[in-house]
Amino acid sequence: MSHKEEKEEQQNPYDSIGNAKLLLVSIERNTGAWGYLYQKFREDEDEILDILVLLQKIARQVEQVFPDARGFIRQGLSE
């Protein structure tokens, strides 16, 4: 169920918060990977920094819409 559908039907945003948590975890892992590339490929520093900044902007936007996402417990994954 989408976040929009959950709001329209006044449902508990369980699916959306779970998806937001997954997105935040993915952003963290990507940030780590790009950080490693940043250290290894200094000649591409500007491009890599642009990607890192974009990832952080996306994470902030997700956290604004879903402030409880980081604390969400994903059954079988976050336990």
PDB file of N, CA and C in Angstrom:
ATOM      1  N   MET A   1       0.851  -1.172   0.000  1.00  0.00           N
ATOM      2  CA  MET A   1       0.000   0.000   0.000  1.00  0.00           C
ATOM      3  C   MET A   1       0.895   1.234   0.000  1.00  0.00           C
ATOM      4  N   SER A   2       0.566   2.201  -0.803  1.00  0.00           N
ATOM      5  CA  SER A   2       1.373   3.407  -0.877  1.00  0.00           C
ATOM      6  C   SER A   2       1.067   4.344   0.289  1.00  0.00           C
ATOM      7  N   HIS A   3       1.981   5.255   0.541  1.00  0.00           N
ATOM      8  CA  HIS A   3       1.791   6.238   1.605  1.00  0.00           C
ATOM      9  C   HIS A   3       0.520   7.044   1.340  1.00  0.00           C
ATOM     10  N   LYS A   4       0.285   7.394   0.092  1.00  0.00           N
ATOM     11  CA  LYS A   4      -0.910   8.156  -0.282  1.00  0.00           C
ATOM     12  C   LYS A   4      -2.166   7.353   0.028  1.00  0.00           C
ATOM     13  N   GLU A   5      -2.182   6.079  -0.328  1.00  0.00           N
ATOM     14  CA  GLU A   5      -3.339   5.225  -0.057  1.00  0.00           C
ATOM     15  C   GLU A   5      -3.563   5.061   1.448  1.00  0.00           C
ATOM     16  N   GLU A   6      -2.485   4.919   2.184  1.00  0.00           N
ATOM     17  CA  GLU A   6      -2.615   4.793   3.635  1.00  0.00           C
ATOM     18  C   GLU A   6      -3.260   6.041   4.239  1.00  0.00           C
ATOM     19  N   LYS A   7      -2.855   7.207   3.756  1.00  0.00           N
ATOM     20  CA  LYS A   7      -3.443   8.457   4.255  1.00  0.00           C
ATOM     21  C   LYS A   7      -4.920   8.563   3.876  1.00  0.00           C
ATOM     22  N   GLU A   8      -5.231   8.255   2.612  1.00  0.00           N
ATOM     23  CA  GLU A   8      -6.613   8.354   2.137  1.00  0.00           C
ATOM     24  C   GLU A   8      -7.543   7.413   2.899  1.00  0.00           C
ATOM     25  N   GLU A   9      -7.068   6.227   3.198  1.00  0.00           N
ATOM     26  CA  GLU A   9      -7.888   5.229   3.885  1.00  0.00           C
ATOM     27  C   GLU A   9      -7.687   5.264   5.397  1.00  0.00           C
ATOM     28  N   GLN A  10      -6.907   6.236   5.862  1.00  0.00           N
ATOM     29  CA  GLN A  10      -6.609   6.411   7.287  1.00  0.00           C
ATOM     30  C   GLN A  10      -6.103   5.105   7.915  1.00  0.00           C
ATOM     31  N   GLN A  11      -5.190   4.475   7.202  1.00  0.00           N
ATOM     32  CA  GLN A  11      -4.576   3.232   7.649  1.00  0.00           C
ATOM     33  C   GLN A  11      -3.306   3.521   8.430  1.00  0.00           C
ATOM     34  N   ASN A  12      -2.911   2.570   9.243  1.00  0.00           N
ATOM     35  CA  ASN A  12      -1.622   2.641   9.914  1.00  0.00           C
ATOM     36  C   ASN A  12      -0.543   2.584   8.825  1.00  0.00           C
ATOM     37  N   PRO A  13       0.418   3.506   8.836  1.00  0.00           N
ATOM     38  CA  PRO A  13       1.419   3.562   7.753  1.00  0.00           C
ATOM     39  C   PRO A  13       2.511   2.498   7.861  1.00  0.00           C
ATOM     40  N   TYR A  14       2.142   1.282   8.231  1.00  0.00           N
ATOM     41  CA  TYR A  14       3.113   0.197   8.431  1.00  0.00           C
ATOM     42  C   TYR A  14       3.940  -0.067   7.184  1.00  0.00           C
ATOM     43  N   ASP A  15       3.289  -0.214   6.036  1.00  0.00           N
ATOM     44  CA  ASP A  15       4.018  -0.509   4.787  1.00  0.00           C
ATOM     45  C   ASP A  15       4.954   0.627   4.408  1.00  0.00           C
ATOM     46  N   SER A  16       4.457   1.842   4.496  1.00  0.00           N
ATOM     47  CA  SER A  16       5.270   2.993   4.104  1.00  0.00           C
ATOM     48  C   SER A  16       6.473   3.176   5.017  1.00  0.00           C
ATOM     49  N   ILE A  17       6.253   3.038   6.311  1.00  0.00           N
ATOM     50  CA  ILE A  17       7.377   3.194   7.247  1.00  0.00           C
ATOM     51  C   ILE A  17       8.396   2.079   7.029  1.00  0.00           C
ATOM     52  N   GLY A  18       7.918   0.877   6.756  1.00  0.00           N
ATOM     53  CA  GLY A  18       8.833  -0.231   6.460  1.00  0.00           C
ATOM     54  C   GLY A  18       9.651   0.023   5.208  1.00  0.00           C
ATOM     55  N   ASN A  19       8.998   0.549   4.182  1.00  0.00           N
ATOM     56  CA  ASN A  19       9.709   0.873   2.949  1.00  0.00           C
ATOM     57  C   ASN A  19      10.692   2.017   3.169  1.00  0.00           C
ATOM     58  N   ALA A  20      10.297   2.991   3.982  1.00  0.00           N
ATOM     59  CA  ALA A  20      11.195   4.105   4.286  1.00  0.00           C
ATOM     60  C   ALA A  20      12.424   3.603   5.038  1.00  0.00           C
ATOM     61  N   LYS A  21      12.228   2.687   5.976  1.00  0.00           N
ATOM     62  CA  LYS A  21      13.362   2.106   6.720  1.00  0.00           C
ATOM     63  C   LYS A  21      14.303   1.402   5.746  1.00  0.00           C
ATOM     64  N   LEU A  22      13.744   0.621   4.843  1.00  0.00           N
ATOM     65  CA  LEU A  22      14.558  -0.085   3.851  1.00  0.00           C
ATOM     66  C   LEU A  22      15.335   0.907   2.991  1.00  0.00           C
ATOM     67  N   LEU A  23      14.696   1.979   2.594  1.00  0.00           N
ATOM     68  CA  LEU A  23      15.368   3.003   1.795  1.00  0.00           C
ATOM     69  C   LEU A  23      16.504   3.650   2.580  1.00  0.00           C
ATOM     70  N   LEU A  24      16.275   3.970   3.855  1.00  0.00           N
ATOM     71  CA  LEU A  24      17.326   4.586   4.667  1.00  0.00           C
ATOM     72  C   LEU A  24      18.518   3.649   4.855  1.00  0.00           C
ATOM     73  N   VAL A  25      18.240   2.361   5.060  1.00  0.00           N
ATOM     74  CA  VAL A  25      19.332   1.380   5.184  1.00  0.00           C
ATOM     75  C   VAL A  25      20.104   1.303   3.871  1.00  0.00           C
ATOM     76  N   SER A  26      19.386   1.309   2.760  1.00  0.00           N
ATOM     77  CA  SER A  26      20.044   1.264   1.445  1.00  0.00           C
ATOM     78  C   SER A  26      20.898   2.506   1.214  1.00  0.00           C
ATOM     79  N   ILE A  27      20.392   3.659   1.608  1.00  0.00           N
ATOM     80  CA  ILE A  27      21.158   4.903   1.460  1.00  0.00           C
ATOM     81  C   ILE A  27      22.421   4.842   2.301  1.00  0.00           C
ATOM     82  N   GLU A  28      22.319   4.333   3.527  1.00  0.00           N
ATOM     83  CA  GLU A  28      23.507   4.213   4.383  1.00  0.00           C
ATOM     84  C   GLU A  28      24.560   3.312   3.738  1.00  0.00           C
ATOM     85  N   ARG A  29      24.125   2.202   3.200  1.00  0.00           N
ATOM     86  CA  ARG A  29      25.076   1.271   2.565  1.00  0.00           C
ATOM     87  C   ARG A  29      25.691   1.880   1.305  1.00  0.00           C
ATOM     88  N   ASN A  30      24.872   2.567   0.533  1.00  0.00           N
ATOM     89  CA  ASN A  30      25.393   3.234  -0.666  1.00  0.00           C
ATOM     90  C   ASN A  30      26.365   4.338  -0.296  1.00  0.00           C
ATOM     91  N   THR A  31      26.074   5.077   0.766  1.00  0.00           N
ATOM     92  CA  THR A  31      26.964   6.135   1.220  1.00  0.00           C
ATOM     93  C   THR A  31      28.317   5.542   1.605  1.00  0.00           C
ATOM     94  N   GLY A  32      28.294   4.415   2.276  1.00  0.00           N
ATOM     95  CA  GLY A  32      29.545   3.750   2.625  1.00  0.00           C
ATOM     96  C   GLY A  32      30.328   3.317   1.402  1.00  0.00           C
ATOM     97  N   ALA A  33      29.627   2.769   0.425  1.00  0.00           N
ATOM     98  CA  ALA A  33      30.291   2.316  -0.798  1.00  0.00           C
ATOM     99  C   ALA A  33      30.877   3.498  -1.574  1.00  0.00           C
ATOM    100  N   TRP A  34      30.109   4.565  -1.700  1.00  0.00           N
ATOM    101  CA  TRP A  34      30.608   5.748  -2.404  1.00  0.00           C
ATOM    102  C   TRP A  34      31.733   6.419  -1.626  1.00  0.00           C
ATOM    103  N   GLY A  35      31.664   6.353  -0.301  1.00  0.00           N
ATOM    104  CA  GLY A  35      32.757   6.884   0.515  1.00  0.00           C
ATOM    105  C   GLY A  35      34.056   6.128   0.263  1.00  0.00           C
ATOM    106  N   TYR A  36      33.947   4.821   0.111  1.00  0.00           N
ATOM    107  CA  TYR A  36      35.120   4.013  -0.216  1.00  0.00           C
ATOM    108  C   TYR A  36      35.676   4.416  -1.581  1.00  0.00           C
ATOM    109  N   LEU A  37      34.790   4.575  -2.566  1.00  0.00           N
ATOM    110  CA  LEU A  37      35.237   4.986  -3.897  1.00  0.00           C
ATOM    111  C   LEU A  37      35.873   6.375  -3.861  1.00  0.00           C
ATOM    112  N   TYR A  38      35.335   7.241  -3.035  1.00  0.00           N
ATOM    113  CA  TYR A  38      35.898   8.583  -2.875  1.00  0.00           C
ATOM    114  C   TYR A  38      37.352   8.511  -2.414  1.00  0.00           C
ATOM    115  N   GLN A  39      37.626   7.609  -1.478  1.00  0.00           N
ATOM    116  CA  GLN A  39      38.996   7.457  -0.965  1.00  0.00           C
ATOM    117  C   GLN A  39      39.939   6.875  -2.015  1.00  0.00           C
ATOM    118  N   LYS A  40      39.432   5.997  -2.853  1.00  0.00           N
ATOM    119  CA  LYS A  40      40.273   5.297  -3.826  1.00  0.00           C
ATOM    120  C   LYS A  40      40.461   6.055  -5.136  1.00  0.00           C
ATOM    121  N   PHE A  41      39.500   6.874  -5.506  1.00  0.00           N
ATOM    122  CA  PHE A  41      39.529   7.535  -6.811  1.00  0.00           C
ATOM    123  C   PHE A  41      39.435   9.049  -6.633  1.00  0.00           C
ATOM    124  N   ARG A  42      40.492   9.627  -6.141  1.00  0.00           N
ATOM    125  CA  ARG A  42      40.513  11.073  -5.879  1.00  0.00           C
ATOM    126  C   ARG A  42      40.333  11.905  -7.144  1.00  0.00           C
ATOM    127  N   GLU A  43      40.679  11.349  -8.288  1.00  0.00           N
ATOM    128  CA  GLU A  43      40.522  12.102  -9.535  1.00  0.00           C
ATOM    129  C   GLU A  43      39.042  12.321  -9.883  1.00  0.00           C
ATOM    130  N   ASP A  44      38.165  11.537  -9.288  1.00  0.00           N
ATOM    131  CA  ASP A  44      36.720  11.671  -9.523  1.00  0.00           C
ATOM    132  C   ASP A  44      36.014  12.286  -8.314  1.00  0.00           C
ATOM    133  N   GLU A  45      36.770  12.987  -7.517  1.00  0.00           N
ATOM    134  CA  GLU A  45      36.283  13.539  -6.256  1.00  0.00           C
ATOM    135  C   GLU A  45      34.999  14.363  -6.407  1.00  0.00           C
ATOM    136  N   ASP A  46      34.954  15.269  -7.350  1.00  0.00           N
ATOM    137  CA  ASP A  46      33.786  16.151  -7.503  1.00  0.00           C
ATOM    138  C   ASP A  46      32.512  15.367  -7.811  1.00  0.00           C
ATOM    139  N   GLU A  47      32.597  14.433  -8.738  1.00  0.00           N
ATOM    140  CA  GLU A  47      31.430  13.650  -9.114  1.00  0.00           C
ATOM    141  C   GLU A  47      30.949  12.790  -7.950  1.00  0.00           C
ATOM    142  N   ILE A  48      31.883  12.193  -7.239  1.00  0.00           N
ATOM    143  CA  ILE A  48      31.517  11.330  -6.110  1.00  0.00           C
ATOM    144  C   ILE A  48      30.910  12.163  -4.986  1.00  0.00           C
ATOM    145  N   LEU A  49      31.473  13.338  -4.731  1.00  0.00           N
ATOM    146  CA  LEU A  49      30.896  14.211  -3.704  1.00  0.00           C
ATOM    147  C   LEU A  49      29.470  14.629  -4.067  1.00  0.00           C
ATOM    148  N   ASP A  50      29.210  14.871  -5.344  1.00  0.00           N
ATOM    149  CA  ASP A  50      27.851  15.206  -5.777  1.00  0.00           C
ATOM    150  C   ASP A  50      26.881  14.077  -5.442  1.00  0.00           C
ATOM    151  N   ILE A  51      27.303  12.849  -5.672  1.00  0.00           N
ATOM    152  CA  ILE A  51      26.460  11.688  -5.377  1.00  0.00           C
ATOM    153  C   ILE A  51      26.232  11.567  -3.874  1.00  0.00           C
ATOM    154  N   LEU A  52      27.285  11.755  -3.091  1.00  0.00           N
ATOM    155  CA  LEU A  52      27.151  11.676  -1.634  1.00  0.00           C
ATOM    156  C   LEU A  52      26.201  12.744  -1.096  1.00  0.00           C
ATOM    157  N   VAL A  53      26.281  13.938  -1.638  1.00  0.00           N
ATOM    158  CA  VAL A  53      25.376  15.019  -1.222  1.00  0.00           C
ATOM    159  C   VAL A  53      23.935  14.660  -1.588  1.00  0.00           C
ATOM    160  N   LEU A  54      23.732  14.141  -2.775  1.00  0.00           N
ATOM    161  CA  LEU A  54      22.394  13.751  -3.201  1.00  0.00           C
ATOM    162  C   LEU A  54      21.818  12.664  -2.296  1.00  0.00           C
ATOM    163  N   LEU A  55      22.622  11.678  -1.952  1.00  0.00           N
ATOM    164  CA  LEU A  55      22.153  10.623  -1.053  1.00  0.00           C
ATOM    165  C   LEU A  55      21.722  11.189   0.296  1.00  0.00           C
ATOM    166  N   GLN A  56      22.479  12.139   0.814  1.00  0.00           N
ATOM    167  CA  GLN A  56      22.124  12.750   2.095  1.00  0.00           C
ATOM    168  C   GLN A  56      20.840  13.569   1.993  1.00  0.00           C
ATOM    169  N   LYS A  57      20.633  14.252   0.891  1.00  0.00           N
ATOM    170  CA  LYS A  57      19.402  15.023   0.685  1.00  0.00           C
ATOM    171  C   LYS A  57      18.193  14.084   0.651  1.00  0.00           C
ATOM    172  N   ILE A  58      18.339  12.978  -0.048  1.00  0.00           N
ATOM    173  CA  ILE A  58      17.246  12.009  -0.129  1.00  0.00           C
ATOM    174  C   ILE A  58      16.941  11.460   1.267  1.00  0.00           C
ATOM    175  N   ALA A  59      17.971  11.122   2.017  1.00  0.00           N
ATOM    176  CA  ALA A  59      17.775  10.600   3.370  1.00  0.00           C
ATOM    177  C   ALA A  59      17.044  11.612   4.246  1.00  0.00           C
ATOM    178  N   ARG A  60      17.419  12.875   4.168  1.00  0.00           N
ATOM    179  CA  ARG A  60      16.748  13.912   4.963  1.00  0.00           C
ATOM    180  C   ARG A  60      15.278  14.042   4.579  1.00  0.00           C
ATOM    181  N   GLN A  61      14.991  13.969   3.291  1.00  0.00           N
ATOM    182  CA  GLN A  61      13.601  14.072   2.835  1.00  0.00           C
ATOM    183  C   GLN A  61      12.774  12.885   3.331  1.00  0.00           C
ATOM    184  N   VAL A  62      13.348  11.699   3.266  1.00  0.00           N
ATOM    185  CA  VAL A  62      12.644  10.505   3.756  1.00  0.00           C
ATOM    186  C   VAL A  62      12.379  10.647   5.253  1.00  0.00           C
ATOM    187  N   GLU A  63      13.367  11.116   5.992  1.00  0.00           N
ATOM    188  CA  GLU A  63      13.204  11.278   7.435  1.00  0.00           C
ATOM    189  C   GLU A  63      12.178  12.355   7.780  1.00  0.00           C
ATOM    190  N   GLN A  64      12.022  13.358   6.940  1.00  0.00           N
ATOM    191  CA  GLN A  64      11.002  14.388   7.181  1.00  0.00           C
ATOM    192  C   GLN A  64       9.600  13.821   7.010  1.00  0.00           C
ATOM    193  N   VAL A  65       9.409  13.004   5.984  1.00  0.00           N
ATOM    194  CA  VAL A  65       8.094  12.422   5.720  1.00  0.00           C
ATOM    195  C   VAL A  65       7.800  11.283   6.689  1.00  0.00           C
ATOM    196  N   PHE A  66       8.830  10.511   7.041  1.00  0.00           N
ATOM    197  CA  PHE A  66       8.676   9.350   7.914  1.00  0.00           C
ATOM    198  C   PHE A  66       9.641   9.460   9.101  1.00  0.00           C
ATOM    199  N   PRO A  67       9.342  10.331  10.066  1.00  0.00           N
ATOM    200  CA  PRO A  67      10.273  10.559  11.180  1.00  0.00           C
ATOM    201  C   PRO A  67      10.511   9.329  12.059  1.00  0.00           C
ATOM    202  N   ASP A  68       9.614   8.354  12.024  1.00  0.00           N
ATOM    203  CA  ASP A  68       9.764   7.154  12.848  1.00  0.00           C
ATOM    204  C   ASP A  68      10.418   5.989  12.107  1.00  0.00           C
ATOM    205  N   ALA A  69      10.836   6.225  10.885  1.00  0.00           N
ATOM    206  CA  ALA A  69      11.338   5.126  10.047  1.00  0.00           C
ATOM    207  C   ALA A  69      12.578   4.453  10.631  1.00  0.00           C
ATOM    208  N   ARG A  70      13.507   5.208  11.168  1.00  0.00           N
ATOM    209  CA  ARG A  70      14.744   4.597  11.691  1.00  0.00           C
ATOM    210  C   ARG A  70      14.472   3.653  12.855  1.00  0.00           C
ATOM    211  N   GLY A  71      13.426   3.912  13.611  1.00  0.00           N
ATOM    212  CA  GLY A  71      13.094   3.069  14.748  1.00  0.00           C
ATOM    213  C   GLY A  71      12.193   1.898  14.408  1.00  0.00           C
ATOM    214  N   PHE A  72      11.788   1.816  13.147  1.00  0.00           N
ATOM    215  CA  PHE A  72      10.883   0.742  12.710  1.00  0.00           C
ATOM    216  C   PHE A  72      11.580  -0.613  12.816  1.00  0.00           C
ATOM    217  N   ILE A  73      10.885  -1.586  13.391  1.00  0.00           N
ATOM    218  CA  ILE A  73      11.429  -2.939  13.519  1.00  0.00           C
ATOM    219  C   ILE A  73      10.880  -3.782  12.373  1.00  0.00           C
ATOM    220  N   ARG A  74      11.781  -4.256  11.544  1.00  0.00           N
ATOM    221  CA  ARG A  74      11.402  -5.114  10.415  1.00  0.00           C
ATOM    222  C   ARG A  74      11.508  -6.555  10.879  1.00  0.00           C
ATOM    223  N   GLN A  75      10.400  -7.256  10.934  1.00  0.00           N
ATOM    224  CA  GLN A  75      10.384  -8.632  11.404  1.00  0.00           C
ATOM    225  C   GLN A  75      11.343  -9.483  10.572  1.00  0.00           C
ATOM    226  N   GLY A  76      12.199 -10.189  11.263  1.00  0.00           N
ATOM    227  CA  GLY A  76      13.159 -11.052  10.604  1.00  0.00           C
ATOM    228  C   GLY A  76      14.420 -10.362  10.128  1.00  0.00           C
ATOM    229  N   LEU A  77      14.433  -9.030  10.123  1.00  0.00           N
ATOM    230  CA  LEU A  77      15.605  -8.299   9.647  1.00  0.00           C
ATOM    231  C   LEU A  77      16.202  -7.400  10.728  1.00  0.00           C
ATOM    232  N   SER A  78      15.371  -6.733  11.500  1.00  0.00           N
ATOM    233  CA  SER A  78      15.863  -5.779  12.493  1.00  0.00           C
ATOM    234  C   SER A  78      15.902  -6.358  13.899  1.00  0.00           C
ATOM    235  N   GLU A  79      15.498  -7.589  14.046  1.00  0.00           N
ATOM    236  CA  GLU A  79      15.412  -8.176  15.397  1.00  0.00           C
ATOM    237  C   GLU A  79      16.757  -8.652  15.888  1.00  0.00           C
TER     238      GLU A  79
END
